[in-house]
Amino acid sequence: MQDLSELSEYIYERDRHEFNLGDTLDIKTGLLLASLTFLAIQSGGLIGPGLTFTQSLAQSLAILFQVLGGVFCVAEL
């Protein structure tokens, strides 16, 4: 009976630790997703007729990678 009590305490502590770690990851991912959204909005405003082809290509790649980062953040959540 003693072993069962010790095992249940161990399981409870492990579960509590995992839930706290999950909450921390969710908060960090949410902040990262908000930052990526802000950067994507700023990048989208920079694309215009005044850019050279190379600048436009680089800006398009930056937006693509920001969207990819957002997808990974949502997948983590």
PDB file of N, CA and C in Angstrom:
ATOM      1  N   MET A   1       0.822  -1.183   0.000  1.00  0.00           N
ATOM      2  CA  MET A   1       0.000   0.000   0.000  1.00  0.00           C
ATOM      3  C   MET A   1       0.873   1.256   0.000  1.00  0.00           C
ATOM      4  N   GLN A   2       2.004   1.187   0.678  1.00  0.00           N
ATOM      5  CA  GLN A   2       2.929   2.310   0.754  1.00  0.00           C
ATOM      6  C   GLN A   2       3.472   2.644  -0.638  1.00  0.00           C
ATOM      7  N   ASP A   3       3.778   1.626  -1.432  1.00  0.00           N
ATOM      8  CA  ASP A   3       4.326   1.841  -2.766  1.00  0.00           C
ATOM      9  C   ASP A   3       3.335   2.559  -3.662  1.00  0.00           C
ATOM     10  N   LEU A   4       2.067   2.232  -3.544  1.00  0.00           N
ATOM     11  CA  LEU A   4       1.035   2.869  -4.356  1.00  0.00           C
ATOM     12  C   LEU A   4       0.906   4.347  -4.014  1.00  0.00           C
ATOM     13  N   SER A   5       1.018   4.665  -2.751  1.00  0.00           N
ATOM     14  CA  SER A   5       0.940   6.062  -2.318  1.00  0.00           C
ATOM     15  C   SER A   5       2.131   6.858  -2.846  1.00  0.00           C
ATOM     16  N   GLU A   6       3.321   6.295  -2.779  1.00  0.00           N
ATOM     17  CA  GLU A   6       4.509   6.978  -3.298  1.00  0.00           C
ATOM     18  C   GLU A   6       4.437   7.146  -4.807  1.00  0.00           C
ATOM     19  N   LEU A   7       3.927   6.148  -5.487  1.00  0.00           N
ATOM     20  CA  LEU A   7       3.790   6.210  -6.934  1.00  0.00           C
ATOM     21  C   LEU A   7       2.785   7.286  -7.347  1.00  0.00           C
ATOM     22  N   SER A   8       1.676   7.379  -6.633  1.00  0.00           N
ATOM     23  CA  SER A   8       0.674   8.387  -6.972  1.00  0.00           C
ATOM     24  C   SER A   8       1.212   9.800  -6.718  1.00  0.00           C
ATOM     25  N   GLU A   9       2.005   9.977  -5.672  1.00  0.00           N
ATOM     26  CA  GLU A   9       2.621  11.285  -5.425  1.00  0.00           C
ATOM     27  C   GLU A   9       3.602  11.641  -6.542  1.00  0.00           C
ATOM     28  N   TYR A  10       4.385  10.668  -6.969  1.00  0.00           N
ATOM     29  CA  TYR A  10       5.340  10.889  -8.052  1.00  0.00           C
ATOM     30  C   TYR A  10       4.612  11.259  -9.342  1.00  0.00           C
ATOM     31  N   ILE A  11       3.543  10.549  -9.658  1.00  0.00           N
ATOM     32  CA  ILE A  11       2.778  10.826 -10.878  1.00  0.00           C
ATOM     33  C   ILE A  11       2.151  12.213 -10.810  1.00  0.00           C
ATOM     34  N   TYR A  12       1.614  12.570  -9.655  1.00  0.00           N
ATOM     35  CA  TYR A  12       1.011  13.898  -9.497  1.00  0.00           C
ATOM     36  C   TYR A  12       2.048  14.997  -9.720  1.00  0.00           C
ATOM     37  N   GLU A  13       3.225  14.870  -9.147  1.00  0.00           N
ATOM     38  CA  GLU A  13       4.273  15.885  -9.299  1.00  0.00           C
ATOM     39  C   GLU A  13       4.766  15.963 -10.736  1.00  0.00           C
ATOM     40  N   ARG A  14       4.903  14.828 -11.389  1.00  0.00           N
ATOM     41  CA  ARG A  14       5.338  14.817 -12.782  1.00  0.00           C
ATOM     42  C   ARG A  14       4.301  15.483 -13.678  1.00  0.00           C
ATOM     43  N   ASP A  15       3.037  15.181 -13.467  1.00  0.00           N
ATOM     44  CA  ASP A  15       1.972  15.813 -14.252  1.00  0.00           C
ATOM     45  C   ASP A  15       1.930  17.313 -14.018  1.00  0.00           C
ATOM     46  N   ARG A  16       2.090  17.742 -12.785  1.00  0.00           N
ATOM     47  CA  ARG A  16       2.077  19.174 -12.464  1.00  0.00           C
ATOM     48  C   ARG A  16       3.243  19.888 -13.151  1.00  0.00           C
ATOM     49  N   HIS A  17       4.399  19.250 -13.149  1.00  0.00           N
ATOM     50  CA  HIS A  17       5.572  19.822 -13.813  1.00  0.00           C
ATOM     51  C   HIS A  17       5.347  19.930 -15.324  1.00  0.00           C
ATOM     52  N   GLU A  18       4.778  18.904 -15.928  1.00  0.00           N
ATOM     53  CA  GLU A  18       4.527  18.922 -17.378  1.00  0.00           C
ATOM     54  C   GLU A  18       3.495  19.986 -17.747  1.00  0.00           C
ATOM     55  N   PHE A  19       2.461  20.171 -16.939  1.00  0.00           N
ATOM     56  CA  PHE A  19       1.463  21.206 -17.214  1.00  0.00           C
ATOM     57  C   PHE A  19       2.076  22.595 -17.111  1.00  0.00           C
ATOM     58  N   ASN A  20       2.943  22.809 -16.120  1.00  0.00           N
ATOM     59  CA  ASN A  20       3.610  24.112 -15.998  1.00  0.00           C
ATOM     60  C   ASN A  20       4.524  24.381 -17.177  1.00  0.00           C
ATOM     61  N   LEU A  21       5.240  23.372 -17.627  1.00  0.00           N
ATOM     62  CA  LEU A  21       6.108  23.523 -18.787  1.00  0.00           C
ATOM     63  C   LEU A  21       5.289  23.825 -20.039  1.00  0.00           C
ATOM     64  N   GLY A  22       4.153  23.164 -20.195  1.00  0.00           N
ATOM     65  CA  GLY A  22       3.271  23.423 -21.328  1.00  0.00           C
ATOM     66  C   GLY A  22       2.739  24.849 -21.322  1.00  0.00           C
ATOM     67  N   ASP A  23       2.376  25.358 -20.156  1.00  0.00           N
ATOM     68  CA  ASP A  23       1.900  26.737 -20.052  1.00  0.00           C
ATOM     69  C   ASP A  23       2.992  27.718 -20.449  1.00  0.00           C
ATOM     70  N   THR A  24       4.212  27.459 -20.022  1.00  0.00           N
ATOM     71  CA  THR A  24       5.329  28.330 -20.367  1.00  0.00           C
ATOM     72  C   THR A  24       5.562  28.348 -21.872  1.00  0.00           C
ATOM     73  N   LEU A  25       5.516  27.182 -22.505  1.00  0.00           N
ATOM     74  CA  LEU A  25       5.702  27.114 -23.952  1.00  0.00           C
ATOM     75  C   LEU A  25       4.576  27.833 -24.685  1.00  0.00           C
ATOM     76  N   ASP A  26       3.353  27.730 -24.188  1.00  0.00           N
ATOM     77  CA  ASP A  26       2.229  28.412 -24.822  1.00  0.00           C
ATOM     78  C   ASP A  26       2.388  29.924 -24.758  1.00  0.00           C
ATOM     79  N   ILE A  27       2.850  30.431 -23.631  1.00  0.00           N
ATOM     80  CA  ILE A  27       3.038  31.876 -23.487  1.00  0.00           C
ATOM     81  C   ILE A  27       4.142  32.360 -24.420  1.00  0.00           C
ATOM     82  N   LYS A  28       5.261  31.650 -24.443  1.00  0.00           N
ATOM     83  CA  LYS A  28       6.366  32.050 -25.322  1.00  0.00           C
ATOM     84  C   LYS A  28       5.962  31.977 -26.789  1.00  0.00           C
ATOM     85  N   THR A  29       5.224  30.947 -27.163  1.00  0.00           N
ATOM     86  CA  THR A  29       4.794  30.811 -28.547  1.00  0.00           C
ATOM     87  C   THR A  29       3.809  31.902 -28.921  1.00  0.00           C
ATOM     88  N   GLY A  30       2.930  32.268 -28.010  1.00  0.00           N
ATOM     89  CA  GLY A  30       1.989  33.352 -28.275  1.00  0.00           C
ATOM     90  C   GLY A  30       2.697  34.677 -28.497  1.00  0.00           C
ATOM     91  N   LEU A  31       3.714  34.951 -27.700  1.00  0.00           N
ATOM     92  CA  LEU A  31       4.488  36.179 -27.889  1.00  0.00           C
ATOM     93  C   LEU A  31       5.235  36.169 -29.213  1.00  0.00           C
ATOM     94  N   LEU A  32       5.795  35.025 -29.560  1.00  0.00           N
ATOM     95  CA  LEU A  32       6.500  34.901 -30.834  1.00  0.00           C
ATOM     96  C   LEU A  32       5.541  35.066 -32.005  1.00  0.00           C
ATOM     97  N   LEU A  33       4.351  34.514 -31.897  1.00  0.00           N
ATOM     98  CA  LEU A  33       3.359  34.639 -32.962  1.00  0.00           C
ATOM     99  C   LEU A  33       2.916  36.092 -33.116  1.00  0.00           C
ATOM    100  N   ALA A  34       2.747  36.812 -32.028  1.00  0.00           N
ATOM    101  CA  ALA A  34       2.391  38.230 -32.107  1.00  0.00           C
ATOM    102  C   ALA A  34       3.514  39.035 -32.764  1.00  0.00           C
ATOM    103  N   SER A  35       4.755  38.720 -32.429  1.00  0.00           N
ATOM    104  CA  SER A  35       5.892  39.408 -33.047  1.00  0.00           C
ATOM    105  C   SER A  35       5.970  39.124 -34.536  1.00  0.00           C
ATOM    106  N   LEU A  36       5.752  37.875 -34.923  1.00  0.00           N
ATOM    107  CA  LEU A  36       5.771  37.526 -36.345  1.00  0.00           C
ATOM    108  C   LEU A  36       4.655  38.228 -37.105  1.00  0.00           C
ATOM    109  N   THR A  37       3.491  38.357 -36.484  1.00  0.00           N
ATOM    110  CA  THR A  37       2.382  39.063 -37.128  1.00  0.00           C
ATOM    111  C   THR A  37       2.737  40.520 -37.348  1.00  0.00           C
ATOM    112  N   PHE A  38       3.324  41.156 -36.348  1.00  0.00           N
ATOM    113  CA  PHE A  38       3.743  42.556 -36.483  1.00  0.00           C
ATOM    114  C   PHE A  38       4.765  42.707 -37.606  1.00  0.00           C
ATOM    115  N   LEU A  39       5.759  41.820 -37.647  1.00  0.00           N
ATOM    116  CA  LEU A  39       6.777  41.897 -38.689  1.00  0.00           C
ATOM    117  C   LEU A  39       6.196  41.649 -40.074  1.00  0.00           C
ATOM    118  N   ALA A  40       5.217  40.750 -40.189  1.00  0.00           N
ATOM    119  CA  ALA A  40       4.593  40.490 -41.486  1.00  0.00           C
ATOM    120  C   ALA A  40       3.808  41.703 -41.956  1.00  0.00           C
ATOM    121  N   ILE A  41       3.143  42.390 -41.059  1.00  0.00           N
ATOM    122  CA  ILE A  41       2.407  43.601 -41.426  1.00  0.00           C
ATOM    123  C   ILE A  41       3.380  44.674 -41.897  1.00  0.00           C
ATOM    124  N   GLN A  42       4.489  44.830 -41.190  1.00  0.00           N
ATOM    125  CA  GLN A  42       5.490  45.814 -41.591  1.00  0.00           C
ATOM    126  C   GLN A  42       6.114  45.446 -42.936  1.00  0.00           C
ATOM    127  N   SER A  43       6.398  44.182 -43.145  1.00  0.00           N
ATOM    128  CA  SER A  43       6.994  43.749 -44.410  1.00  0.00           C
ATOM    129  C   SER A  43       6.030  43.930 -45.568  1.00  0.00           C
ATOM    130  N   GLY A  44       4.761  43.650 -45.325  1.00  0.00           N
ATOM    131  CA  GLY A  44       3.767  43.820 -46.370  1.00  0.00           C
ATOM    132  C   GLY A  44       3.632  45.263 -46.806  1.00  0.00           C
ATOM    133  N   GLY A  45       3.837  46.183 -45.877  1.00  0.00           N
ATOM    134  CA  GLY A  45       3.763  47.605 -46.218  1.00  0.00           C
ATOM    135  C   GLY A  45       4.951  48.087 -47.026  1.00  0.00           C
ATOM    136  N   LEU A  46       6.046  47.355 -46.975  1.00  0.00           N
ATOM    137  CA  LEU A  46       7.248  47.767 -47.702  1.00  0.00           C
ATOM    138  C   LEU A  46       7.240  47.355 -49.169  1.00  0.00           C
ATOM    139  N   ILE A  47       6.415  46.375 -49.520  1.00  0.00           N
ATOM    140  CA  ILE A  47       6.369  45.938 -50.915  1.00  0.00           C
ATOM    141  C   ILE A  47       5.597  46.983 -51.710  1.00  0.00           C
ATOM    142  N   GLY A  48       6.230  47.501 -52.719  1.00  0.00           N
ATOM    143  CA  GLY A  48       5.593  48.521 -53.540  1.00  0.00           C
ATOM    144  C   GLY A  48       6.308  48.679 -54.866  1.00  0.00           C
ATOM    145  N   PRO A  49       5.874  49.620 -55.665  1.00  0.00           N
ATOM    146  CA  PRO A  49       6.466  49.792 -56.990  1.00  0.00           C
ATOM    147  C   PRO A  49       7.879  50.383 -56.956  1.00  0.00           C
ATOM    148  N   GLY A  50       8.328  50.937 -55.832  1.00  0.00           N
ATOM    149  CA  GLY A  50       9.635  51.581 -55.770  1.00  0.00           C
ATOM    150  C   GLY A  50      10.801  50.639 -55.530  1.00  0.00           C
ATOM    151  N   LEU A  51      10.550  49.358 -55.384  1.00  0.00           N
ATOM    152  CA  LEU A  51      11.624  48.405 -55.080  1.00  0.00           C
ATOM    153  C   LEU A  51      12.187  47.802 -56.360  1.00  0.00           C
ATOM    154  N   THR A  52      13.473  47.498 -56.311  1.00  0.00           N
ATOM    155  CA  THR A  52      14.081  46.771 -57.431  1.00  0.00           C
ATOM    156  C   THR A  52      13.634  45.316 -57.371  1.00  0.00           C
ATOM    157  N   PHE A  53      13.941  44.565 -58.409  1.00  0.00           N
ATOM    158  CA  PHE A  53      13.545  43.152 -58.440  1.00  0.00           C
ATOM    159  C   PHE A  53      14.179  42.380 -57.289  1.00  0.00           C
ATOM    160  N   THR A  54      15.447  42.627 -57.018  1.00  0.00           N
ATOM    161  CA  THR A  54      16.152  41.916 -55.942  1.00  0.00           C
ATOM    162  C   THR A  54      15.553  42.258 -54.580  1.00  0.00           C
ATOM    163  N   GLN A  55      15.243  43.532 -54.353  1.00  0.00           N
ATOM    164  CA  GLN A  55      14.635  43.936 -53.089  1.00  0.00           C
ATOM    165  C   GLN A  55      13.241  43.338 -52.928  1.00  0.00           C
ATOM    166  N   SER A  56      12.489  43.323 -54.016  1.00  0.00           N
ATOM    167  CA  SER A  56      11.146  42.747 -53.979  1.00  0.00           C
ATOM    168  C   SER A  56      11.206  41.243 -53.707  1.00  0.00           C
ATOM    169  N   LEU A  57      12.160  40.567 -54.316  1.00  0.00           N
ATOM    170  CA  LEU A  57      12.334  39.132 -54.087  1.00  0.00           C
ATOM    171  C   LEU A  57      12.723  38.853 -52.638  1.00  0.00           C
ATOM    172  N   ALA A  58      13.660  39.635 -52.116  1.00  0.00           N
ATOM    173  CA  ALA A  58      14.093  39.459 -50.722  1.00  0.00           C
ATOM    174  C   ALA A  58      12.936  39.725 -49.758  1.00  0.00           C
ATOM    175  N   GLN A  59      12.138  40.742 -50.046  1.00  0.00           N
ATOM    176  CA  GLN A  59      11.006  41.070 -49.178  1.00  0.00           C
ATOM    177  C   GLN A  59       9.945  39.961 -49.251  1.00  0.00           C
ATOM    178  N   SER A  60       9.731  39.415 -50.434  1.00  0.00           N
ATOM    179  CA  SER A  60       8.768  38.320 -50.584  1.00  0.00           C
ATOM    180  C   SER A  60       9.239  37.083 -49.825  1.00  0.00           C
ATOM    181  N   LEU A  61      10.528  36.792 -49.885  1.00  0.00           N
ATOM    182  CA  LEU A  61      11.066  35.658 -49.121  1.00  0.00           C
ATOM    183  C   LEU A  61      10.927  35.887 -47.619  1.00  0.00           C
ATOM    184  N   ALA A  62      11.144  37.118 -47.183  1.00  0.00           N
ATOM    185  CA  ALA A  62      11.001  37.438 -45.756  1.00  0.00           C
ATOM    186  C   ALA A  62       9.560  37.190 -45.303  1.00  0.00           C
ATOM    187  N   ILE A  63       8.609  37.600 -46.110  1.00  0.00           N
ATOM    188  CA  ILE A  63       7.203  37.384 -45.756  1.00  0.00           C
ATOM    189  C   ILE A  63       6.882  35.889 -45.751  1.00  0.00           C
ATOM    190  N   LEU A  64       7.405  35.156 -46.728  1.00  0.00           N
ATOM    191  CA  LEU A  64       7.179  33.714 -46.782  1.00  0.00           C
ATOM    192  C   LEU A  64       7.711  33.025 -45.528  1.00  0.00           C
ATOM    193  N   PHE A  65       8.911  33.394 -45.101  1.00  0.00           N
ATOM    194  CA  PHE A  65       9.486  32.779 -43.905  1.00  0.00           C
ATOM    195  C   PHE A  65       8.743  33.194 -42.639  1.00  0.00           C
ATOM    196  N   GLN A  66       8.200  34.403 -42.622  1.00  0.00           N
ATOM    197  CA  GLN A  66       7.401  34.819 -41.468  1.00  0.00           C
ATOM    198  C   GLN A  66       6.105  34.023 -41.389  1.00  0.00           C
ATOM    199  N   VAL A  67       5.497  33.790 -42.536  1.00  0.00           N
ATOM    200  CA  VAL A  67       4.285  32.958 -42.554  1.00  0.00           C
ATOM    201  C   VAL A  67       4.627  31.539 -42.106  1.00  0.00           C
ATOM    202  N   LEU A  68       5.740  31.009 -42.558  1.00  0.00           N
ATOM    203  CA  LEU A  68       6.171  29.680 -42.148  1.00  0.00           C
ATOM    204  C   LEU A  68       6.413  29.627 -40.627  1.00  0.00           C
ATOM    205  N   GLY A  69       7.029  30.670 -40.081  1.00  0.00           N
ATOM    206  CA  GLY A  69       7.221  30.751 -38.636  1.00  0.00           C
ATOM    207  C   GLY A  69       5.888  30.784 -37.900  1.00  0.00           C
ATOM    208  N   GLY A  70       4.912  31.497 -38.447  1.00  0.00           N
ATOM    209  CA  GLY A  70       3.578  31.530 -37.837  1.00  0.00           C
ATOM    210  C   GLY A  70       2.908  30.174 -37.864  1.00  0.00           C
ATOM    211  N   VAL A  71       3.074  29.460 -38.962  1.00  0.00           N
ATOM    212  CA  VAL A  71       2.497  28.108 -39.052  1.00  0.00           C
ATOM    213  C   VAL A  71       3.126  27.201 -38.006  1.00  0.00           C
ATOM    214  N   PHE A  72       4.433  27.285 -37.828  1.00  0.00           N
ATOM    215  CA  PHE A  72       5.100  26.460 -36.819  1.00  0.00           C
ATOM    216  C   PHE A  72       4.637  26.833 -35.408  1.00  0.00           C
ATOM    217  N   CYS A  73       4.424  28.127 -35.163  1.00  0.00           N
ATOM    218  CA  CYS A  73       3.943  28.555 -33.842  1.00  0.00           C
ATOM    219  C   CYS A  73       2.548  27.992 -33.564  1.00  0.00           C
ATOM    220  N   VAL A  74       1.671  28.059 -34.544  1.00  0.00           N
ATOM    221  CA  VAL A  74       0.327  27.541 -34.370  1.00  0.00           C
ATOM    222  C   VAL A  74       0.374  26.027 -34.193  1.00  0.00           C
ATOM    223  N   ALA A  75       1.251  25.366 -34.916  1.00  0.00           N
ATOM    224  CA  ALA A  75       1.375  23.909 -34.768  1.00  0.00           C
ATOM    225  C   ALA A  75       1.860  23.551 -33.361  1.00  0.00           C
ATOM    226  N   GLU A  76       2.726  24.358 -32.790  1.00  0.00           N
ATOM    227  CA  GLU A  76       3.221  24.098 -31.430  1.00  0.00           C
ATOM    228  C   GLU A  76       2.117  24.304 -30.409  1.00  0.00           C
ATOM    229  N   LEU A  77       1.283  25.299 -30.630  1.00  0.00           N
ATOM    230  CA  LEU A  77       0.186  25.544 -29.688  1.00  0.00           C
ATOM    231  C   LEU A  77      -0.782  24.390 -29.704  1.00  0.00           C
TER     232      LEU A  77
END
